[in-house]
Each structure stands twice: as structure tokens, then as C-alpha cells.
Amino acid sequence: MSLVFQRSSRKPLPQFIHDFTSAAERQGFVIHNRDKMNLADTFSAHGVDVATDFDVHMVQLCKPAKAAASLSHNPERAPLMPKFVVAFTRNDETQIRYFGLDEQLVRELVDDPEFPASLCETQNVIRSLIDEAA
């Protein structure tokens, strides 16, 4: 199984971001970096120039209550917790990418019998949100 989930959409990037954000919020996610997801703006704020057509967006999803409970149970889960969906335009289509972790890999990385299944369940929800918004 590929760890990089890929979709494309005929929707313009801003419409995909709007639809994805709405779908994620309906499932209890918050967008952690709403004001910094547009990387052109972020880079510009740090004095870095990018091409005028640079339109990469990195959306960070979080369920604060679930994340807090999970990390309280085992803080070694923390490196595997961030969930980013990246979207950009290529050839007049919005391209969406999401990097997930295979359940077996999670088992190898963290000695925690409950976490792999829970993380994979959340990743499946994120993939379904991408499909819904695309």
C-alpha cells in the first residue's frame, strides 16, 4: 500500500480547501493552521519570494480532545500525531496529497498496542474527507 494518498479534483484550489475544511469540521476536526496554510503567504512573511503562481497549501488537522487524551496516555505517540493534507495546482487541476502511516509501521515505531489501530482509523477518516471534498 502506498503511504502517499493521492487525489485530483477539477475544483479550483480555494474551493477544495473550503470544502475540505467544512467536511473536516463536521467530523470534529479543527484546522490548526488556518492562517498559515497558504505557504506563499508564510514564505513571504519570512522574506522569501515565490513565483506568482505558487499555490501550495498545507492544512493541519487536529481533534484537540482526542489528541490530548492520546498524548496523556502515552507522550511517545507525539511524533506520529501531526496530520497534514497538502493541496496544489498542477495542469489546471487541484492535486491533493496525504501521507499516512501503515499500521505495521506504527507498531514498529511505538510500543503501544492501542495506538496503531486508532491512528489508522483516523487516517481512513481523513482519506474519506479528501474524497468527499474532491
C-alpha atoms as a PDB file:
ATOM      1  CA  MET A   1       0.000   0.000   0.000  1.00  0.00           C
ATOM      2  CA  SER A   2       1.319   3.427  -0.904  1.00  0.00           C
ATOM      3  CA  LEU A   3       1.756   5.661   2.092  1.00  0.00           C
ATOM      4  CA  VAL A   4       1.021   8.746  -0.003  1.00  0.00           C
ATOM      5  CA  PHE A   5      -2.699   9.046  -0.688  1.00  0.00           C
ATOM      6  CA  GLN A   6      -3.280  10.964  -3.929  1.00  0.00           C
ATOM      7  CA  ARG A   7      -6.370  12.541  -5.417  1.00  0.00           C
ATOM      8  CA  SER A   8      -7.047  15.163  -8.023  1.00  0.00           C
ATOM      9  CA  SER A   9     -10.017  17.457  -8.395  1.00  0.00           C
ATOM     10  CA  ARG A  10     -11.388  19.721 -11.090  1.00  0.00           C
ATOM     11  CA  LYS A  11     -12.351  22.140  -8.312  1.00  0.00           C
ATOM     12  CA  PRO A  12     -10.168  25.224  -8.036  1.00  0.00           C
ATOM     13  CA  LEU A  13      -7.790  25.032  -5.077  1.00  0.00           C
ATOM     14  CA  PRO A  14      -9.657  27.609  -2.931  1.00  0.00           C
ATOM     15  CA  GLN A  15     -12.921  25.675  -3.410  1.00  0.00           C
ATOM     16  CA  PHE A  16     -11.282  22.378  -2.460  1.00  0.00           C
ATOM     17  CA  ILE A  17      -9.770  23.983   0.670  1.00  0.00           C
ATOM     18  CA  HIS A  18     -13.180  25.393   1.628  1.00  0.00           C
ATOM     19  CA  ASP A  19     -14.980  22.098   1.033  1.00  0.00           C
ATOM     20  CA  PHE A  20     -12.296  20.062   2.795  1.00  0.00           C
ATOM     21  CA  THR A  21     -12.305  22.396   5.798  1.00  0.00           C
ATOM     22  CA  SER A  22     -16.103  22.168   6.050  1.00  0.00           C
ATOM     23  CA  ALA A  23     -16.070  18.367   5.802  1.00  0.00           C
ATOM     24  CA  ALA A  24     -13.289  18.100   8.402  1.00  0.00           C
ATOM     25  CA  GLU A  25     -15.071  20.396  10.840  1.00  0.00           C
ATOM     26  CA  ARG A  26     -18.274  18.344  10.514  1.00  0.00           C
ATOM     27  CA  GLN A  27     -16.218  15.334  11.687  1.00  0.00           C
ATOM     28  CA  GLY A  28     -14.902  17.217  14.734  1.00  0.00           C
ATOM     29  CA  PHE A  29     -11.510  18.266  13.368  1.00  0.00           C
ATOM     30  CA  VAL A  30     -10.142  21.761  13.738  1.00  0.00           C
ATOM     31  CA  ILE A  31      -7.805  23.339  11.234  1.00  0.00           C
ATOM     32  CA  HIS A  32      -4.814  24.114  13.398  1.00  0.00           C
ATOM     33  CA  ASN A  33      -3.053  26.423  10.929  1.00  0.00           C
ATOM     34  CA  ARG A  34      -5.926  28.200   9.186  1.00  0.00           C
ATOM     35  CA  ASP A  35      -3.993  31.482   8.914  1.00  0.00           C
ATOM     36  CA  LYS A  36      -0.736  29.831   7.808  1.00  0.00           C
ATOM     37  CA  MET A  37      -1.829  27.062   5.421  1.00  0.00           C
ATOM     38  CA  ASN A  38      -1.075  29.147   2.313  1.00  0.00           C
ATOM     39  CA  LEU A  39       2.672  28.602   2.043  1.00  0.00           C
ATOM     40  CA  ALA A  40       3.163  31.539  -0.338  1.00  0.00           C
ATOM     41  CA  ASP A  41       1.938  33.880   2.418  1.00  0.00           C
ATOM     42  CA  THR A  42       4.017  32.088   5.055  1.00  0.00           C
ATOM     43  CA  PHE A  43       7.185  32.228   2.983  1.00  0.00           C
ATOM     44  CA  SER A  44       6.562  35.882   2.097  1.00  0.00           C
ATOM     45  CA  ALA A  45       6.177  36.729   5.804  1.00  0.00           C
ATOM     46  CA  HIS A  46       9.696  35.362   6.265  1.00  0.00           C
ATOM     47  CA  GLY A  47      11.090  37.441   3.395  1.00  0.00           C
ATOM     48  CA  VAL A  48      11.168  34.611   0.853  1.00  0.00           C
ATOM     49  CA  ASP A  49       9.903  35.363  -2.643  1.00  0.00           C
ATOM     50  CA  VAL A  50       7.976  32.700  -4.554  1.00  0.00           C
ATOM     51  CA  ALA A  51       6.554  32.675  -8.070  1.00  0.00           C
ATOM     52  CA  THR A  52       3.210  34.431  -8.511  1.00  0.00           C
ATOM     53  CA  ASP A  53       1.552  31.125  -9.400  1.00  0.00           C
ATOM     54  CA  PHE A  54       2.900  29.293  -6.306  1.00  0.00           C
ATOM     55  CA  ASP A  55      -0.209  27.959  -4.576  1.00  0.00           C
ATOM     56  CA  VAL A  56       0.766  25.155  -2.213  1.00  0.00           C
ATOM     57  CA  HIS A  57      -1.470  24.845   0.841  1.00  0.00           C
ATOM     58  CA  MET A  58      -0.649  22.637   3.824  1.00  0.00           C
ATOM     59  CA  VAL A  59      -3.681  22.003   6.046  1.00  0.00           C
ATOM     60  CA  GLN A  60      -3.015  20.708   9.566  1.00  0.00           C
ATOM     61  CA  LEU A  61      -5.886  18.751  11.096  1.00  0.00           C
ATOM     62  CA  CYS A  62      -6.379  18.113  14.792  1.00  0.00           C
ATOM     63  CA  LYS A  63      -9.012  16.757  17.149  1.00  0.00           C
ATOM     64  CA  PRO A  64      -7.836  18.512  20.323  1.00  0.00           C
ATOM     65  CA  ALA A  65      -9.725  16.405  22.870  1.00  0.00           C
ATOM     66  CA  LYS A  66      -8.679  13.136  21.230  1.00  0.00           C
ATOM     67  CA  ALA A  67      -5.083  14.310  20.817  1.00  0.00           C
ATOM     68  CA  ALA A  68      -4.837  15.475  24.425  1.00  0.00           C
ATOM     69  CA  ALA A  69      -6.198  12.164  25.727  1.00  0.00           C
ATOM     70  CA  SER A  70      -3.916  10.190  23.435  1.00  0.00           C
ATOM     71  CA  LEU A  71      -0.792  12.113  24.413  1.00  0.00           C
ATOM     72  CA  SER A  72      -1.712  11.997  28.095  1.00  0.00           C
ATOM     73  CA  HIS A  73      -1.911   8.213  27.783  1.00  0.00           C
ATOM     74  CA  ASN A  74       1.456   7.961  26.016  1.00  0.00           C
ATOM     75  CA  PRO A  75       3.540  11.000  25.006  1.00  0.00           C
ATOM     76  CA  GLU A  76       5.684   8.783  22.746  1.00  0.00           C
ATOM     77  CA  ARG A  77       2.784   8.957  20.276  1.00  0.00           C
ATOM     78  CA  ALA A  78       3.527  12.647  19.636  1.00  0.00           C
ATOM     79  CA  PRO A  79       5.843  12.337  16.591  1.00  0.00           C
ATOM     80  CA  LEU A  80       3.172  10.358  14.752  1.00  0.00           C
ATOM     81  CA  MET A  81       0.266  12.641  15.590  1.00  0.00           C
ATOM     82  CA  PRO A  82       0.510  15.569  13.129  1.00  0.00           C
ATOM     83  CA  LYS A  83      -1.823  15.194  10.170  1.00  0.00           C
ATOM     84  CA  PHE A  84      -1.229  17.376   7.131  1.00  0.00           C
ATOM     85  CA  VAL A  85      -3.116  17.432   3.854  1.00  0.00           C
ATOM     86  CA  VAL A  86      -1.282  19.215   1.055  1.00  0.00           C
ATOM     87  CA  ALA A  87      -3.040  20.689  -1.969  1.00  0.00           C
ATOM     88  CA  PHE A  88      -1.630  22.469  -5.014  1.00  0.00           C
ATOM     89  CA  THR A  89      -2.473  23.193  -8.628  1.00  0.00           C
ATOM     90  CA  ARG A  90      -0.895  21.262 -11.485  1.00  0.00           C
ATOM     91  CA  ASN A  91      -2.123  21.217 -15.100  1.00  0.00           C
ATOM     92  CA  ASP A  92      -5.320  23.108 -14.203  1.00  0.00           C
ATOM     93  CA  GLU A  93      -6.307  20.538 -11.560  1.00  0.00           C
ATOM     94  CA  THR A  94      -6.096  20.605  -7.814  1.00  0.00           C
ATOM     95  CA  GLN A  95      -3.774  17.884  -6.594  1.00  0.00           C
ATOM     96  CA  ILE A  96      -4.197  16.556  -3.065  1.00  0.00           C
ATOM     97  CA  ARG A  97      -1.650  14.540  -1.113  1.00  0.00           C
ATOM     98  CA  TYR A  98      -1.825  12.970   2.323  1.00  0.00           C
ATOM     99  CA  PHE A  99       0.955  10.959   3.932  1.00  0.00           C
ATOM    100  CA  GLY A 100      -0.328   8.206   6.182  1.00  0.00           C
ATOM    101  CA  LEU A 101       1.408   5.517   8.147  1.00  0.00           C
ATOM    102  CA  ASP A 102       0.902   1.798   7.719  1.00  0.00           C
ATOM    103  CA  GLU A 103      -0.412   0.078  10.871  1.00  0.00           C
ATOM    104  CA  GLN A 104       2.541  -2.317  10.968  1.00  0.00           C
ATOM    105  CA  LEU A 105       4.998   0.562  10.733  1.00  0.00           C
ATOM    106  CA  VAL A 106       3.253   2.314  13.633  1.00  0.00           C
ATOM    107  CA  ARG A 107       3.583  -0.888  15.689  1.00  0.00           C
ATOM    108  CA  GLU A 108       7.307  -0.911  14.965  1.00  0.00           C
ATOM    109  CA  LEU A 109       7.762   2.760  15.846  1.00  0.00           C
ATOM    110  CA  VAL A 110       5.800   2.901  19.097  1.00  0.00           C
ATOM    111  CA  ASP A 111       5.402   0.117  21.654  1.00  0.00           C
ATOM    112  CA  ASP A 112       1.737   0.817  22.271  1.00  0.00           C
ATOM    113  CA  PRO A 113      -0.866  -1.855  21.452  1.00  0.00           C
ATOM    114  CA  GLU A 114      -3.847   0.546  21.217  1.00  0.00           C
ATOM    115  CA  PHE A 115      -2.353   3.306  19.134  1.00  0.00           C
ATOM    116  CA  PRO A 116      -1.782   1.733  15.682  1.00  0.00           C
ATOM    117  CA  ALA A 117      -5.436   0.869  15.084  1.00  0.00           C
ATOM    118  CA  SER A 118      -6.632   4.220  16.409  1.00  0.00           C
ATOM    119  CA  LEU A 119      -4.203   6.158  14.224  1.00  0.00           C
ATOM    120  CA  CYS A 120      -5.108   4.138  11.133  1.00  0.00           C
ATOM    121  CA  GLU A 121      -8.816   4.701  11.792  1.00  0.00           C
ATOM    122  CA  THR A 122      -8.214   8.466  11.898  1.00  0.00           C
ATOM    123  CA  GLN A 123      -6.163   8.308   8.706  1.00  0.00           C
ATOM    124  CA  ASN A 124      -9.024   6.489   6.972  1.00  0.00           C
ATOM    125  CA  VAL A 125     -11.399   9.249   8.052  1.00  0.00           C
ATOM    126  CA  ILE A 126      -9.042  11.858   6.604  1.00  0.00           C
ATOM    127  CA  ARG A 127      -8.863   9.967   3.298  1.00  0.00           C
ATOM    128  CA  SER A 128     -12.668   9.889   3.170  1.00  0.00           C
ATOM    129  CA  LEU A 129     -12.790  13.636   3.848  1.00  0.00           C
ATOM    130  CA  ILE A 130     -10.420  14.217   0.938  1.00  0.00           C
ATOM    131  CA  ASP A 131     -12.622  12.074  -1.320  1.00  0.00           C
ATOM    132  CA  GLU A 132     -15.725  13.970  -0.169  1.00  0.00           C
ATOM    133  CA  ALA A 133     -14.184  17.381  -0.808  1.00  0.00           C
ATOM    134  CA  ALA A 134     -12.530  16.491  -4.104  1.00  0.00           C
END
